[in-house]
Amino acid sequence: MLLTVVVAIVVLVFVIESLLDYLNQSRAHAPIPAEVAHLYDEKERSTSINYGYEKYRLGLISSSLMTAVTILALTQGWLAALDSWVRGFTSNTVLLSLIFLAALSVISSALELPFRL
């Protein structure tokens, strides 16, 4: 039951963030108000919009992958396996927590590395 709630929260956060990113991206092509139109160069604005779109697409792929990995880690017992592996190094609770968090950080960074701009 608790696992289902946690997975539902992870999925809900992903959906909300993706929806907000989509709404932000869809407004990028909105016309500029006449009062400030003279401040923008059309070529630079077009380049910026194209860059924003590519960054949005890459972010969507990255967040989809990280959400899938998070759900798999929760449902397949990967976190328990990592905990068992870390417990092989120490029995000190503080050190155990630090090593566990460091391992999670290294794994997360390795997965996100191809998507960094």
N, C-alpha and C. Protein backbone atom coordinates (compact mmCIF):
# COMPACT_ATOMS: atom_id res chain seq x y z
N MET A 1 0.82 -1.19 0.00
CA MET A 1 0.00 0.00 0.00
C MET A 1 0.87 1.27 0.00
N LEU A 2 1.85 1.31 0.91
CA LEU A 2 2.73 2.48 0.98
C LEU A 2 3.53 2.63 -0.31
N LEU A 3 4.00 1.52 -0.86
CA LEU A 3 4.76 1.56 -2.11
C LEU A 3 3.91 2.14 -3.24
N THR A 4 2.65 1.75 -3.28
CA THR A 4 1.74 2.26 -4.31
C THR A 4 1.56 3.77 -4.17
N VAL A 5 1.44 4.25 -2.96
CA VAL A 5 1.29 5.69 -2.72
C VAL A 5 2.55 6.44 -3.15
N VAL A 6 3.71 5.91 -2.80
CA VAL A 6 4.96 6.56 -3.17
C VAL A 6 5.13 6.60 -4.69
N VAL A 7 4.86 5.50 -5.36
CA VAL A 7 4.96 5.46 -6.82
C VAL A 7 3.95 6.43 -7.45
N ALA A 8 2.75 6.49 -6.90
CA ALA A 8 1.74 7.43 -7.41
C ALA A 8 2.20 8.87 -7.25
N ILE A 9 2.85 9.18 -6.14
CA ILE A 9 3.37 10.54 -5.93
C ILE A 9 4.47 10.85 -6.93
N VAL A 10 5.36 9.90 -7.17
CA VAL A 10 6.44 10.10 -8.15
C VAL A 10 5.85 10.36 -9.54
N VAL A 11 4.87 9.57 -9.93
CA VAL A 11 4.23 9.75 -11.24
C VAL A 11 3.49 11.08 -11.30
N LEU A 12 2.79 11.44 -10.23
CA LEU A 12 2.05 12.70 -10.20
C LEU A 12 2.99 13.90 -10.33
N VAL A 13 4.10 13.86 -9.63
CA VAL A 13 5.09 14.95 -9.73
C VAL A 13 5.63 15.04 -11.15
N PHE A 14 5.92 13.90 -11.77
CA PHE A 14 6.40 13.89 -13.15
C PHE A 14 5.37 14.50 -14.10
N VAL A 15 4.12 14.11 -13.95
CA VAL A 15 3.05 14.62 -14.83
C VAL A 15 2.89 16.12 -14.65
N ILE A 16 2.86 16.59 -13.42
CA ILE A 16 2.69 18.03 -13.17
C ILE A 16 3.86 18.82 -13.72
N GLU A 17 5.09 18.36 -13.47
CA GLU A 17 6.27 19.07 -13.99
C GLU A 17 6.29 19.07 -15.51
N SER A 18 5.93 17.95 -16.13
CA SER A 18 5.90 17.88 -17.59
C SER A 18 4.84 18.80 -18.16
N LEU A 19 3.68 18.86 -17.52
CA LEU A 19 2.61 19.74 -17.97
C LEU A 19 3.04 21.20 -17.87
N LEU A 20 3.65 21.57 -16.76
CA LEU A 20 4.10 22.96 -16.60
C LEU A 20 5.18 23.31 -17.62
N ASP A 21 6.11 22.40 -17.87
CA ASP A 21 7.14 22.64 -18.90
C ASP A 21 6.50 22.80 -20.27
N TYR A 22 5.51 21.97 -20.58
CA TYR A 22 4.81 22.07 -21.86
C TYR A 22 4.10 23.42 -21.99
N LEU A 23 3.41 23.83 -20.95
CA LEU A 23 2.71 25.11 -20.99
C LEU A 23 3.68 26.27 -21.17
N ASN A 24 4.81 26.23 -20.48
CA ASN A 24 5.82 27.27 -20.64
C ASN A 24 6.36 27.29 -22.07
N GLN A 25 6.63 26.11 -22.61
CA GLN A 25 7.18 26.03 -23.96
C GLN A 25 6.16 26.48 -25.00
N SER A 26 4.90 26.16 -24.80
CA SER A 26 3.88 26.53 -25.78
C SER A 26 3.66 28.04 -25.83
N ARG A 27 3.99 28.75 -24.77
CA ARG A 27 3.83 30.20 -24.76
C ARG A 27 5.04 30.93 -25.35
N ALA A 28 6.08 30.22 -25.71
CA ALA A 28 7.28 30.86 -26.23
C ALA A 28 7.02 31.57 -27.56
N HIS A 29 6.07 31.08 -28.33
CA HIS A 29 5.78 31.67 -29.64
C HIS A 29 4.73 32.77 -29.57
N ALA A 30 4.30 33.12 -28.39
CA ALA A 30 3.30 34.18 -28.24
C ALA A 30 3.88 35.50 -28.74
N PRO A 31 3.05 36.32 -29.35
CA PRO A 31 3.56 37.60 -29.85
C PRO A 31 4.03 38.50 -28.70
N ILE A 32 5.04 39.28 -28.99
CA ILE A 32 5.58 40.21 -28.00
C ILE A 32 4.68 41.44 -27.96
N PRO A 33 4.35 41.93 -26.77
CA PRO A 33 3.54 43.16 -26.69
C PRO A 33 4.23 44.32 -27.40
N ALA A 34 3.44 45.15 -28.03
CA ALA A 34 3.96 46.27 -28.83
C ALA A 34 4.83 47.21 -28.00
N GLU A 35 4.52 47.35 -26.72
CA GLU A 35 5.26 48.29 -25.87
C GLU A 35 6.73 47.91 -25.71
N VAL A 36 7.04 46.62 -25.82
CA VAL A 36 8.42 46.17 -25.62
C VAL A 36 9.00 45.50 -26.87
N ALA A 37 8.28 45.50 -27.96
CA ALA A 37 8.74 44.82 -29.18
C ALA A 37 10.05 45.39 -29.70
N HIS A 38 10.28 46.66 -29.50
CA HIS A 38 11.51 47.28 -29.99
C HIS A 38 12.75 46.80 -29.23
N LEU A 39 12.58 46.15 -28.11
CA LEU A 39 13.71 45.67 -27.31
C LEU A 39 14.24 44.32 -27.78
N TYR A 40 13.50 43.64 -28.65
CA TYR A 40 13.86 42.29 -29.07
C TYR A 40 14.27 42.25 -30.53
N ASP A 41 15.39 41.58 -30.80
CA ASP A 41 15.82 41.30 -32.15
C ASP A 41 15.15 39.99 -32.58
N GLU A 42 14.48 39.99 -33.72
CA GLU A 42 13.70 38.82 -34.14
C GLU A 42 14.58 37.59 -34.37
N LYS A 43 15.78 37.79 -34.91
CA LYS A 43 16.67 36.65 -35.15
C LYS A 43 17.13 36.04 -33.82
N GLU A 44 17.51 36.88 -32.87
CA GLU A 44 17.94 36.38 -31.56
C GLU A 44 16.78 35.71 -30.83
N ARG A 45 15.59 36.25 -30.97
CA ARG A 45 14.41 35.65 -30.33
C ARG A 45 14.13 34.27 -30.93
N SER A 46 14.24 34.17 -32.25
CA SER A 46 14.03 32.89 -32.91
C SER A 46 15.06 31.85 -32.46
N THR A 47 16.32 32.28 -32.37
CA THR A 47 17.37 31.39 -31.89
C THR A 47 17.09 30.95 -30.46
N SER A 48 16.67 31.88 -29.64
CA SER A 48 16.35 31.58 -28.24
C SER A 48 15.18 30.61 -28.13
N ILE A 49 14.16 30.80 -28.94
CA ILE A 49 13.00 29.91 -28.93
C ILE A 49 13.40 28.50 -29.37
N ASN A 50 14.22 28.41 -30.42
CA ASN A 50 14.69 27.10 -30.88
C ASN A 50 15.53 26.39 -29.82
N TYR A 51 16.41 27.16 -29.17
CA TYR A 51 17.23 26.59 -28.10
C TYR A 51 16.33 26.12 -26.95
N GLY A 52 15.36 26.92 -26.59
CA GLY A 52 14.44 26.55 -25.52
C GLY A 52 13.67 25.29 -25.85
N TYR A 53 13.27 25.14 -27.11
CA TYR A 53 12.53 23.95 -27.51
C TYR A 53 13.41 22.70 -27.41
N GLU A 54 14.65 22.80 -27.88
CA GLU A 54 15.56 21.64 -27.80
C GLU A 54 15.87 21.30 -26.35
N LYS A 55 16.05 22.32 -25.53
CA LYS A 55 16.29 22.09 -24.10
C LYS A 55 15.07 21.45 -23.44
N TYR A 56 13.88 21.86 -23.85
CA TYR A 56 12.64 21.26 -23.34
C TYR A 56 12.57 19.78 -23.71
N ARG A 57 12.86 19.46 -24.97
CA ARG A 57 12.81 18.06 -25.41
C ARG A 57 13.82 17.20 -24.65
N LEU A 58 15.03 17.69 -24.52
CA LEU A 58 16.06 16.95 -23.80
C LEU A 58 15.67 16.78 -22.32
N GLY A 59 15.11 17.82 -21.73
CA GLY A 59 14.66 17.74 -20.35
C GLY A 59 13.54 16.73 -20.17
N LEU A 60 12.65 16.65 -21.15
CA LEU A 60 11.55 15.69 -21.08
C LEU A 60 12.08 14.25 -21.14
N ILE A 61 13.04 14.02 -22.01
CA ILE A 61 13.66 12.69 -22.10
C ILE A 61 14.37 12.35 -20.79
N SER A 62 15.14 13.31 -20.28
CA SER A 62 15.88 13.09 -19.04
C SER A 62 14.95 12.83 -17.86
N SER A 63 13.92 13.64 -17.72
CA SER A 63 13.01 13.45 -16.58
C SER A 63 12.21 12.16 -16.72
N SER A 64 11.89 11.77 -17.96
CA SER A 64 11.20 10.49 -18.17
C SER A 64 12.09 9.33 -17.74
N LEU A 65 13.36 9.38 -18.12
CA LEU A 65 14.30 8.33 -17.74
C LEU A 65 14.47 8.28 -16.22
N MET A 66 14.66 9.42 -15.59
CA MET A 66 14.86 9.44 -14.15
C MET A 66 13.62 8.98 -13.40
N THR A 67 12.44 9.32 -13.90
CA THR A 67 11.21 8.84 -13.27
C THR A 67 11.09 7.33 -13.41
N ALA A 68 11.41 6.81 -14.58
CA ALA A 68 11.35 5.36 -14.79
C ALA A 68 12.34 4.63 -13.89
N VAL A 69 13.55 5.16 -13.78
CA VAL A 69 14.57 4.54 -12.92
C VAL A 69 14.14 4.61 -11.46
N THR A 70 13.55 5.73 -11.05
CA THR A 70 13.07 5.86 -9.67
C THR A 70 11.99 4.84 -9.37
N ILE A 71 11.05 4.68 -10.29
CA ILE A 71 9.97 3.70 -10.09
C ILE A 71 10.54 2.29 -10.05
N LEU A 72 11.47 1.99 -10.95
CA LEU A 72 12.11 0.67 -10.93
C LEU A 72 12.88 0.43 -9.63
N ALA A 73 13.60 1.45 -9.17
CA ALA A 73 14.36 1.31 -7.93
C ALA A 73 13.43 1.04 -6.75
N LEU A 74 12.28 1.70 -6.75
CA LEU A 74 11.32 1.50 -5.66
C LEU A 74 10.66 0.13 -5.72
N THR A 75 10.28 -0.29 -6.91
CA THR A 75 9.49 -1.52 -7.03
C THR A 75 10.34 -2.79 -7.11
N GLN A 76 11.57 -2.67 -7.56
CA GLN A 76 12.41 -3.86 -7.76
C GLN A 76 13.39 -4.12 -6.62
N GLY A 77 13.36 -3.28 -5.60
CA GLY A 77 14.23 -3.51 -4.45
C GLY A 77 15.67 -3.08 -4.65
N TRP A 78 15.93 -2.19 -5.60
CA TRP A 78 17.29 -1.74 -5.84
C TRP A 78 17.85 -0.96 -4.65
N LEU A 79 16.99 -0.21 -3.97
CA LEU A 79 17.46 0.55 -2.81
C LEU A 79 17.85 -0.39 -1.68
N ALA A 80 17.10 -1.46 -1.50
CA ALA A 80 17.45 -2.46 -0.47
C ALA A 80 18.76 -3.15 -0.83
N ALA A 81 18.96 -3.42 -2.10
CA ALA A 81 20.22 -4.05 -2.54
C ALA A 81 21.40 -3.10 -2.30
N LEU A 82 21.20 -1.82 -2.58
CA LEU A 82 22.25 -0.83 -2.33
C LEU A 82 22.53 -0.74 -0.83
N ASP A 83 21.49 -0.77 -0.02
CA ASP A 83 21.66 -0.73 1.43
C ASP A 83 22.45 -1.94 1.92
N SER A 84 22.13 -3.11 1.41
CA SER A 84 22.87 -4.32 1.79
C SER A 84 24.33 -4.23 1.39
N TRP A 85 24.58 -3.69 0.21
CA TRP A 85 25.95 -3.53 -0.27
C TRP A 85 26.73 -2.57 0.63
N VAL A 86 26.10 -1.45 0.99
CA VAL A 86 26.75 -0.44 1.83
C VAL A 86 27.00 -1.00 3.23
N ARG A 87 26.09 -1.80 3.75
CA ARG A 87 26.26 -2.39 5.09
C ARG A 87 27.46 -3.33 5.15
N GLY A 88 27.94 -3.78 4.01
CA GLY A 88 29.14 -4.60 3.97
C GLY A 88 30.40 -3.82 4.29
N PHE A 89 30.33 -2.50 4.23
CA PHE A 89 31.49 -1.66 4.49
C PHE A 89 31.60 -1.21 5.94
N THR A 90 30.46 -0.96 6.59
CA THR A 90 30.49 -0.40 7.94
C THR A 90 29.20 -0.72 8.69
N SER A 91 29.29 -0.65 10.00
CA SER A 91 28.09 -0.80 10.82
C SER A 91 27.76 0.51 11.53
N ASN A 92 28.61 1.52 11.35
CA ASN A 92 28.37 2.83 11.93
C ASN A 92 27.19 3.48 11.20
N THR A 93 26.16 3.86 11.94
CA THR A 93 24.93 4.38 11.34
C THR A 93 25.16 5.65 10.54
N VAL A 94 25.94 6.56 11.09
CA VAL A 94 26.18 7.83 10.40
C VAL A 94 26.97 7.59 9.12
N LEU A 95 28.02 6.82 9.22
CA LEU A 95 28.84 6.52 8.04
C LEU A 95 28.04 5.74 7.00
N LEU A 96 27.20 4.84 7.47
CA LEU A 96 26.33 4.07 6.59
C LEU A 96 25.43 5.00 5.78
N SER A 97 24.83 5.97 6.45
CA SER A 97 23.95 6.93 5.78
C SER A 97 24.71 7.76 4.76
N LEU A 98 25.90 8.21 5.15
CA LEU A 98 26.71 9.03 4.24
C LEU A 98 27.12 8.25 2.99
N ILE A 99 27.54 7.02 3.17
CA ILE A 99 27.94 6.19 2.03
C ILE A 99 26.74 5.90 1.13
N PHE A 100 25.59 5.61 1.74
CA PHE A 100 24.37 5.33 0.97
C PHE A 100 23.99 6.55 0.12
N LEU A 101 23.97 7.73 0.74
CA LEU A 101 23.62 8.94 0.00
C LEU A 101 24.65 9.27 -1.07
N ALA A 102 25.93 9.05 -0.77
CA ALA A 102 26.97 9.28 -1.77
C ALA A 102 26.80 8.34 -2.95
N ALA A 103 26.47 7.08 -2.68
CA ALA A 103 26.26 6.12 -3.76
C ALA A 103 25.06 6.52 -4.61
N LEU A 104 23.98 6.95 -3.97
CA LEU A 104 22.81 7.42 -4.73
C LEU A 104 23.17 8.63 -5.59
N SER A 105 23.97 9.53 -5.04
CA SER A 105 24.38 10.72 -5.78
C SER A 105 25.23 10.35 -6.99
N VAL A 106 26.15 9.42 -6.83
CA VAL A 106 27.01 8.99 -7.95
C VAL A 106 26.17 8.32 -9.03
N ILE A 107 25.24 7.46 -8.63
CA ILE A 107 24.38 6.78 -9.60
C ILE A 107 23.52 7.78 -10.35
N SER A 108 22.93 8.72 -9.62
CA SER A 108 22.08 9.74 -10.25
C SER A 108 22.89 10.60 -11.22
N SER A 109 24.07 11.03 -10.79
CA SER A 109 24.92 11.85 -11.66
C SER A 109 25.33 11.09 -12.92
N ALA A 110 25.63 9.82 -12.77
CA ALA A 110 26.02 9.01 -13.93
C ALA A 110 24.87 8.87 -14.92
N LEU A 111 23.66 8.71 -14.41
CA LEU A 111 22.50 8.59 -15.30
C LEU A 111 22.16 9.91 -15.99
N GLU A 112 22.37 11.02 -15.30
CA GLU A 112 22.03 12.33 -15.87
C GLU A 112 23.14 12.91 -16.74
N LEU A 113 24.34 12.36 -16.68
CA LEU A 113 25.49 12.90 -17.40
C LEU A 113 25.24 13.10 -18.90
N PRO A 114 24.64 12.16 -19.61
CA PRO A 114 24.43 12.38 -21.05
C PRO A 114 23.46 13.52 -21.37
N PHE A 115 22.69 13.96 -20.39
CA PHE A 115 21.67 14.98 -20.65
C PHE A 115 22.07 16.37 -20.19
N ARG A 116 23.26 16.53 -19.69
CA ARG A 116 23.71 17.85 -19.23
C ARG A 116 24.05 18.71 -20.43
N LEU A 117 23.72 19.98 -20.32
CA LEU A 117 23.99 20.91 -21.42
C LEU A 117 25.31 21.61 -21.24
